[in-house]
Amino acid sequence: MLVTYMHSVIMASNLPKLTAGFGLLAWSGVFLATGGLVLFYRCSRKDPGYIRMNVHDPQNMKDDEPLLKIEMNNPALLAGNWSQLCATCKIVRPLRAKHCSTCDRCVEQFDHHCPWVSNCIGKKNKWDFFLFLVLEVSAMLVAGAVTVIRVFTDPVAPSSFGAWMSYASTHHIGALSFVIADFFLFFGVAVLTAVQASQISRNITTNEMANALRYNYLRGAGGRFRNPYDHGCKRNCSDFLINGFNEDVECIEDSAGTEGIGMMHMSRNSNLQNGDGHMHHANGNGHVAINVNSNNTNSHHGHLHSSHCNHSNHGKSKTDSVPLGLGLGLGRSSARSVVAS
């Protein structure tokens, strides 16, 4: 198309000679298309963000069980994120990385596998891919407009539409072929460019958009869609354009003043001396404290306190706090305290 444009539109002998200003506009389409081809080559040859695989152990030929090569105490696996485990690459990949079935590799911030580029689009080449799209859309827009103006302003073309069509199909067949191909390609590439720009502004990939219901990290409260990596349009775009990619930094929401969000704490009391069980109900914040003594042989006494209730155990108890999820061995204690707020 680039050769056809130069030969049949810019340097066509049967069209009027270009003026300086219009010639600069016409050749700018060539420069934009050439720059797009350079980025097309870079995007095709560049590493999209392949994650290094665990290589086979040459001293152990029995390498049919890839999971044995992975440290099972990885924090992601301990947190239950088994979808990050790739048995093919023998790695625990980052959360936004995915395995490309075509390239047979895991790619950081996997967007999609582009058959036109013949490469994956990921963290390390998405900037090249997006700039390639922008340059090609601009080139097609400029070249198409120049071609239409050149053909319609031919001074020797007849005025009637039927006669003009017959004349153009005979004398400007190359220019008409270019305009038709440019018209259809322009809308397809323009839509792809707009979609990529929208996803960049929200710091989300094509793969995540297509599989949003499958990925737990894209679901918020109530199972609704929530993108934890969206830091706002301005920051998302600036980070991408300046750095060439967005870091996988989650946006932390401030929930200190939000009602209805609870934090569970478990505390262990090993030296309770009395046999009293206490229940506190408070209005406002809904603070509840329950102390249970497993060695209680006496009667239980319950009393109501305010939300600022301070309760002491006559200085005879020693309390040891353990966060939820780390309270291994809590069953060995003789008493437990559960606080929910």
Protein backbone atom coordinates (compact mmCIF):
# COMPACT_ATOMS: atom_id res chain seq x y z
CA MET A 1 0.00 0.00 0.00
CA LEU A 2 2.87 2.37 0.74
CA VAL A 3 4.41 1.75 -2.68
CA THR A 4 1.03 2.13 -4.38
CA TYR A 5 0.41 5.40 -2.57
CA MET A 6 3.75 6.89 -3.61
CA HIS A 7 3.52 5.70 -7.21
CA SER A 8 -0.19 6.27 -7.97
CA VAL A 9 -0.95 9.31 -5.80
CA ILE A 10 2.13 11.39 -4.95
CA MET A 11 4.20 10.88 -8.09
CA ALA A 12 1.37 10.13 -10.56
CA SER A 13 2.11 11.73 -13.92
CA ASN A 14 -1.58 12.11 -14.84
CA LEU A 15 -2.34 14.20 -11.72
CA PRO A 16 -1.49 17.86 -11.12
CA LYS A 17 1.88 18.70 -9.61
CA LEU A 18 1.89 18.99 -5.83
CA THR A 19 2.30 22.37 -4.16
CA ALA A 20 4.84 22.79 -1.36
CA GLY A 21 2.35 22.70 1.50
CA PHE A 22 0.19 19.91 0.08
CA GLY A 23 3.31 17.96 -0.87
CA LEU A 24 4.53 18.13 2.73
CA LEU A 25 1.18 16.77 3.90
CA ALA A 26 1.29 14.00 1.30
CA TRP A 27 4.81 12.92 2.21
CA SER A 28 4.02 13.05 5.94
CA GLY A 29 1.76 10.05 5.33
CA VAL A 30 4.80 8.17 3.98
CA PHE A 31 6.91 9.14 7.01
CA LEU A 32 4.18 8.06 9.45
CA ALA A 33 3.70 4.73 7.68
CA THR A 34 7.47 4.11 7.62
CA GLY A 35 7.75 4.84 11.33
CA GLY A 36 4.86 2.44 11.93
CA LEU A 37 6.67 -0.28 9.98
CA VAL A 38 9.79 0.21 12.12
CA LEU A 39 7.70 -0.21 15.28
CA PHE A 40 5.95 -3.16 13.68
CA TYR A 41 9.34 -4.84 13.32
CA ARG A 42 10.34 -3.95 16.89
CA CYS A 43 7.05 -5.26 18.26
CA SER A 44 7.43 -8.49 16.31
CA ARG A 45 11.02 -9.15 17.37
CA LYS A 46 10.99 -7.74 20.91
CA ASP A 47 10.63 -9.82 24.06
CA PRO A 48 7.04 -9.19 25.22
CA GLY A 49 7.93 -10.01 28.81
CA TYR A 50 8.68 -13.71 28.86
CA ILE A 51 9.17 -15.07 32.36
CA ARG A 52 12.23 -17.25 32.75
CA MET A 53 11.36 -20.91 33.04
CA ASN A 54 12.91 -23.34 35.50
CA VAL A 55 15.30 -25.27 33.30
CA HIS A 56 15.50 -29.05 33.38
CA ASP A 57 17.94 -30.57 35.78
CA PRO A 58 20.59 -32.32 33.62
CA GLN A 59 21.54 -34.62 36.51
CA ASN A 60 17.98 -35.86 36.93
CA MET A 61 16.45 -37.24 33.77
CA LYS A 62 13.16 -38.04 35.53
CA ASP A 63 11.70 -34.62 34.96
CA ASP A 64 8.11 -35.67 34.34
CA GLU A 65 6.75 -34.04 37.51
CA PRO A 66 7.22 -30.29 37.07
CA LEU A 67 5.59 -29.35 40.35
CA LEU A 68 8.46 -30.93 42.24
CA LYS A 69 10.67 -28.11 40.96
CA ILE A 70 8.52 -25.44 42.62
CA GLU A 71 8.86 -24.29 46.20
CA MET A 72 5.47 -25.03 47.69
CA ASN A 73 5.98 -22.45 50.46
CA ASN A 74 5.68 -19.65 47.91
CA PRO A 75 3.53 -16.81 49.37
CA ALA A 76 1.15 -16.93 46.41
CA LEU A 77 0.50 -20.63 46.90
CA LEU A 78 0.15 -20.25 50.65
CA ALA A 79 -2.48 -17.58 50.00
CA GLY A 80 -4.43 -20.04 47.87
CA ASN A 81 -3.70 -18.44 44.47
CA TRP A 82 -3.14 -21.72 42.66
CA SER A 83 -3.98 -20.10 39.32
CA GLN A 84 -0.51 -18.52 39.44
CA LEU A 85 1.06 -21.95 39.25
CA CYS A 86 2.23 -22.84 35.72
CA ALA A 87 3.12 -26.51 35.40
CA THR A 88 4.47 -26.01 31.87
CA CYS A 89 7.00 -23.31 32.73
CA LYS A 90 7.54 -24.74 36.24
CA ILE A 91 7.11 -21.35 37.89
CA VAL A 92 4.78 -19.45 40.16
CA ARG A 93 4.10 -16.54 37.85
CA PRO A 94 3.02 -13.01 38.83
CA LEU A 95 -0.69 -12.44 39.24
CA ARG A 96 -1.25 -10.66 35.91
CA ALA A 97 1.02 -12.97 33.91
CA LYS A 98 -0.59 -15.63 31.75
CA HIS A 99 0.63 -18.57 29.70
CA CYS A 100 0.39 -18.10 25.92
CA SER A 101 -0.59 -21.33 24.23
CA THR A 102 0.89 -20.18 20.91
CA CYS A 103 4.30 -19.08 22.22
CA ASP A 104 4.21 -21.71 25.01
CA ARG A 105 5.63 -19.19 27.48
CA CYS A 106 4.33 -17.17 30.40
CA VAL A 107 4.18 -13.44 29.63
CA GLU A 108 4.10 -10.59 32.15
CA GLN A 109 0.92 -8.49 31.89
CA PHE A 110 -0.24 -10.69 29.02
CA ASP A 111 -2.56 -8.69 26.75
CA HIS A 112 -3.13 -10.96 23.76
CA HIS A 113 -1.31 -12.89 21.06
CA CYS A 114 -1.40 -10.85 17.87
CA PRO A 115 -1.30 -12.98 14.69
CA TRP A 116 -0.51 -9.95 12.54
CA VAL A 117 2.59 -9.15 14.58
CA SER A 118 3.26 -12.87 15.12
CA ASN A 119 4.15 -12.23 18.73
CA CYS A 120 2.57 -11.80 22.14
CA ILE A 121 1.70 -8.33 23.37
CA GLY A 122 2.82 -7.95 26.95
CA LYS A 123 4.55 -5.72 29.45
CA LYS A 124 7.74 -5.08 27.46
CA ASN A 125 6.36 -4.44 23.97
CA LYS A 126 2.89 -2.99 24.53
CA TRP A 127 4.27 0.56 24.24
CA ASP A 128 5.73 -0.29 20.81
CA PHE A 129 2.46 -1.95 19.77
CA PHE A 130 0.31 1.02 20.80
CA LEU A 131 2.59 3.55 19.11
CA PHE A 132 2.60 1.36 16.00
CA LEU A 133 -1.20 1.50 15.93
CA VAL A 134 -1.27 5.27 16.43
CA LEU A 135 1.24 5.90 13.62
CA GLU A 136 -0.52 3.58 11.19
CA VAL A 137 -3.94 5.09 11.90
CA SER A 138 -2.50 8.57 11.37
CA ALA A 139 -0.78 7.47 8.16
CA MET A 140 -3.97 5.92 6.75
CA LEU A 141 -5.98 9.00 7.66
CA VAL A 142 -3.52 11.39 5.98
CA ALA A 143 -2.88 9.21 2.93
CA GLY A 144 -6.59 8.53 2.38
CA ALA A 145 -7.47 12.23 2.58
CA VAL A 146 -4.65 13.17 0.18
CA THR A 147 -5.70 10.50 -2.32
CA VAL A 148 -9.35 11.58 -2.31
CA ILE A 149 -8.40 15.23 -2.79
CA ARG A 150 -5.96 14.40 -5.59
CA VAL A 151 -8.43 12.24 -7.51
CA PHE A 152 -11.43 14.54 -7.11
CA THR A 153 -9.48 17.64 -8.12
CA ASP A 154 -8.18 16.22 -11.39
CA PRO A 155 -8.81 19.10 -13.85
CA VAL A 156 -9.28 16.85 -16.89
CA ALA A 157 -11.88 14.56 -15.27
CA PRO A 158 -15.45 14.85 -16.61
CA SER A 159 -18.10 16.52 -14.48
CA SER A 160 -20.88 13.89 -14.66
CA PHE A 161 -20.69 11.10 -12.09
CA GLY A 162 -21.00 8.19 -14.53
CA ALA A 163 -18.40 9.60 -16.87
CA TRP A 164 -16.13 10.42 -13.92
CA MET A 165 -16.33 6.86 -12.61
CA SER A 166 -15.44 5.50 -16.03
CA TYR A 167 -12.55 7.95 -16.31
CA ALA A 168 -11.22 7.25 -12.79
CA SER A 169 -11.39 3.48 -13.20
CA THR A 170 -9.29 3.84 -16.34
CA HIS A 171 -6.78 6.55 -15.41
CA HIS A 172 -6.62 6.31 -11.60
CA ILE A 173 -7.05 2.60 -10.95
CA GLY A 174 -4.08 2.51 -8.55
CA ALA A 175 -5.36 5.47 -6.51
CA LEU A 176 -8.89 4.04 -6.31
CA SER A 177 -7.58 0.64 -5.21
CA PHE A 178 -5.55 2.33 -2.50
CA VAL A 179 -8.52 4.34 -1.25
CA ILE A 180 -10.77 1.28 -1.01
CA ALA A 181 -8.18 -0.78 0.88
CA ASP A 182 -7.30 2.20 3.09
CA PHE A 183 -10.97 2.79 3.94
CA PHE A 184 -11.60 -0.72 5.24
CA LEU A 185 -8.29 -1.04 7.06
CA PHE A 186 -8.64 2.33 8.71
CA PHE A 187 -11.81 1.48 10.62
CA GLY A 188 -10.47 -1.85 11.83
CA VAL A 189 -7.17 -0.43 13.09
CA ALA A 190 -8.86 2.69 14.50
CA VAL A 191 -11.22 0.57 16.62
CA LEU A 192 -8.27 -1.51 17.87
CA THR A 193 -6.36 1.68 18.73
CA ALA A 194 -9.34 3.11 20.62
CA VAL A 195 -9.79 -0.12 22.58
CA GLN A 196 -6.10 -0.22 23.51
CA ALA A 197 -6.16 3.45 24.56
CA SER A 198 -9.20 2.81 26.75
CA GLN A 199 -7.54 -0.17 28.42
CA ILE A 200 -4.31 1.77 29.00
CA SER A 201 -6.27 4.57 30.68
CA ARG A 202 -7.76 1.98 33.07
CA ASN A 203 -4.58 -0.13 33.44
CA ILE A 204 -6.24 -3.35 32.35
CA THR A 205 -5.37 -5.84 29.62
CA THR A 206 -7.42 -7.40 26.84
CA ASN A 207 -7.09 -10.79 28.49
CA GLU A 208 -8.36 -9.43 31.81
CA MET A 209 -11.33 -7.78 30.11
CA ALA A 210 -12.26 -11.02 28.35
CA ASN A 211 -11.86 -13.16 31.50
CA ALA A 212 -12.90 -10.73 34.22
CA LEU A 213 -15.37 -13.21 35.73
CA ARG A 214 -12.69 -15.90 36.02
CA TYR A 215 -10.05 -13.94 37.92
CA ASN A 216 -10.62 -13.50 41.64
CA TYR A 217 -8.36 -10.45 41.90
CA LEU A 218 -10.77 -8.56 39.60
CA ARG A 219 -13.73 -9.06 41.92
CA GLY A 220 -14.50 -6.77 44.79
CA ALA A 221 -17.16 -6.76 47.48
CA GLY A 222 -20.28 -8.64 46.52
CA GLY A 223 -18.55 -10.30 43.58
CA ARG A 224 -18.74 -7.17 41.46
CA PHE A 225 -15.99 -6.20 39.01
CA ARG A 226 -13.19 -4.14 40.53
CA ASN A 227 -9.81 -3.36 38.99
CA PRO A 228 -7.29 -3.04 41.85
CA TYR A 229 -4.61 -1.65 39.51
CA ASP A 230 -6.59 1.37 38.32
CA HIS A 231 -4.94 4.49 39.76
CA GLY A 232 -6.93 6.96 37.70
CA CYS A 233 -6.75 7.89 34.03
CA LYS A 234 -4.06 10.56 34.46
CA ARG A 235 -1.61 8.42 36.39
CA ASN A 236 -2.26 5.30 34.30
CA CYS A 237 -1.55 7.15 31.06
CA SER A 238 1.47 9.04 32.37
CA ASP A 239 3.09 5.90 33.80
CA PHE A 240 2.53 4.01 30.55
CA LEU A 241 3.77 6.76 28.23
CA ILE A 242 6.81 7.65 30.36
CA ASN A 243 7.89 4.21 31.61
CA GLY A 244 6.50 2.15 28.77
CA PHE A 245 4.42 0.01 31.14
CA ASN A 246 2.39 0.14 34.34
CA GLU A 247 3.65 -1.42 37.54
CA ASP A 248 1.51 -4.07 39.22
CA VAL A 249 0.80 -1.89 42.25
CA GLU A 250 -2.62 -2.38 43.78
CA CYS A 251 -4.70 0.65 44.69
CA ILE A 252 -5.42 0.45 48.43
CA GLU A 253 -8.82 1.75 49.42
CA ASP A 254 -9.19 3.60 52.71
CA SER A 255 -11.77 1.67 54.68
CA ALA A 256 -11.08 3.11 58.13
CA GLY A 257 -14.35 5.00 58.26
CA THR A 258 -16.46 2.43 56.47
CA GLU A 259 -19.16 0.81 58.56
CA GLY A 260 -19.85 -2.86 58.39
CA ILE A 261 -16.24 -3.89 57.69
CA GLY A 262 -15.00 -6.14 60.42
CA MET A 263 -11.60 -7.17 61.66
CA MET A 264 -11.24 -10.38 63.55
CA HIS A 265 -8.63 -10.74 66.27
CA MET A 266 -7.86 -13.77 68.35
CA SER A 267 -6.09 -13.45 71.66
CA ARG A 268 -4.95 -16.15 73.99
CA ASN A 269 -5.17 -15.90 77.76
CA SER A 270 -3.13 -18.52 79.55
CA ASN A 271 -3.38 -17.34 83.17
CA LEU A 272 -7.05 -16.58 83.79
CA GLN A 273 -7.59 -17.01 87.48
CA ASN A 274 -11.33 -16.63 87.78
CA GLY A 275 -14.12 -18.53 86.13
CA ASP A 276 -16.17 -15.65 84.85
CA GLY A 277 -17.41 -15.40 81.30
CA HIS A 278 -18.09 -11.85 80.17
CA MET A 279 -20.08 -10.61 77.20
CA HIS A 280 -20.00 -6.99 76.16
CA HIS A 281 -22.54 -5.48 73.77
CA ALA A 282 -21.97 -1.96 72.57
CA ASN A 283 -24.11 0.26 70.41
CA GLY A 284 -22.73 2.43 67.63
CA ASN A 285 -19.73 0.52 66.40
CA GLY A 286 -21.08 -2.91 67.19
CA HIS A 287 -18.06 -3.91 69.31
CA VAL A 288 -18.45 -7.36 70.78
CA ALA A 289 -16.00 -9.08 73.12
CA ILE A 290 -16.47 -12.64 74.33
CA ASN A 291 -14.17 -14.32 76.84
CA VAL A 292 -14.52 -18.04 77.26
CA ASN A 293 -12.71 -20.05 79.93
CA SER A 294 -12.49 -23.73 79.14
CA ASN A 295 -11.68 -24.52 82.79
CA ASN A 296 -14.75 -22.74 84.06
CA THR A 297 -16.49 -24.76 86.72
CA ASN A 298 -18.42 -21.94 88.34
CA SER A 299 -21.52 -20.14 87.19
CA HIS A 300 -21.26 -17.57 84.35
CA HIS A 301 -22.00 -13.94 84.94
CA GLY A 302 -22.96 -11.58 82.10
CA HIS A 303 -23.11 -7.82 82.25
CA LEU A 304 -23.55 -5.00 79.75
CA HIS A 305 -20.98 -2.26 79.15
CA SER A 306 -20.74 0.76 76.92
CA SER A 307 -18.51 0.99 73.86
CA HIS A 308 -15.74 2.43 76.06
CA CYS A 309 -15.87 -0.35 78.58
CA ASN A 310 -12.52 -1.17 80.21
CA HIS A 311 -12.38 -4.55 81.86
CA SER A 312 -9.49 -5.79 83.98
CA ASN A 313 -8.92 -9.17 85.52
CA HIS A 314 -7.53 -7.93 88.84
CA GLY A 315 -4.03 -7.84 87.33
CA LYS A 316 -3.75 -11.63 87.31
CA SER A 317 -4.09 -12.34 83.57
CA LYS A 318 -1.51 -12.25 80.83
CA THR A 319 -2.90 -11.74 77.31
CA ASP A 320 -1.00 -12.68 74.17
CA SER A 321 -2.48 -11.38 70.87
CA VAL A 322 -2.23 -13.45 67.69
CA PRO A 323 -3.58 -12.22 64.30
CA LEU A 324 -6.18 -14.28 62.50
CA GLY A 325 -4.67 -16.82 60.16
CA LEU A 326 -1.47 -17.06 62.16
CA GLY A 327 -2.98 -18.52 65.31
CA LEU A 328 -1.49 -21.97 65.02
CA GLY A 329 -1.73 -23.85 68.25
CA LEU A 330 -4.49 -21.74 69.77
CA GLY A 331 -6.20 -24.91 70.87
CA ARG A 332 -3.50 -25.45 73.46
CA SER A 333 -4.53 -22.42 75.45
CA SER A 334 -6.92 -22.76 78.32
CA ALA A 335 -8.87 -19.65 77.39
CA ARG A 336 -9.63 -17.66 74.24
CA SER A 337 -10.80 -14.17 73.63
CA VAL A 338 -12.56 -13.22 70.39
CA VAL A 339 -13.03 -9.57 69.51
CA ALA A 340 -15.13 -8.56 66.50
CA SER A 341 -15.60 -5.04 65.38
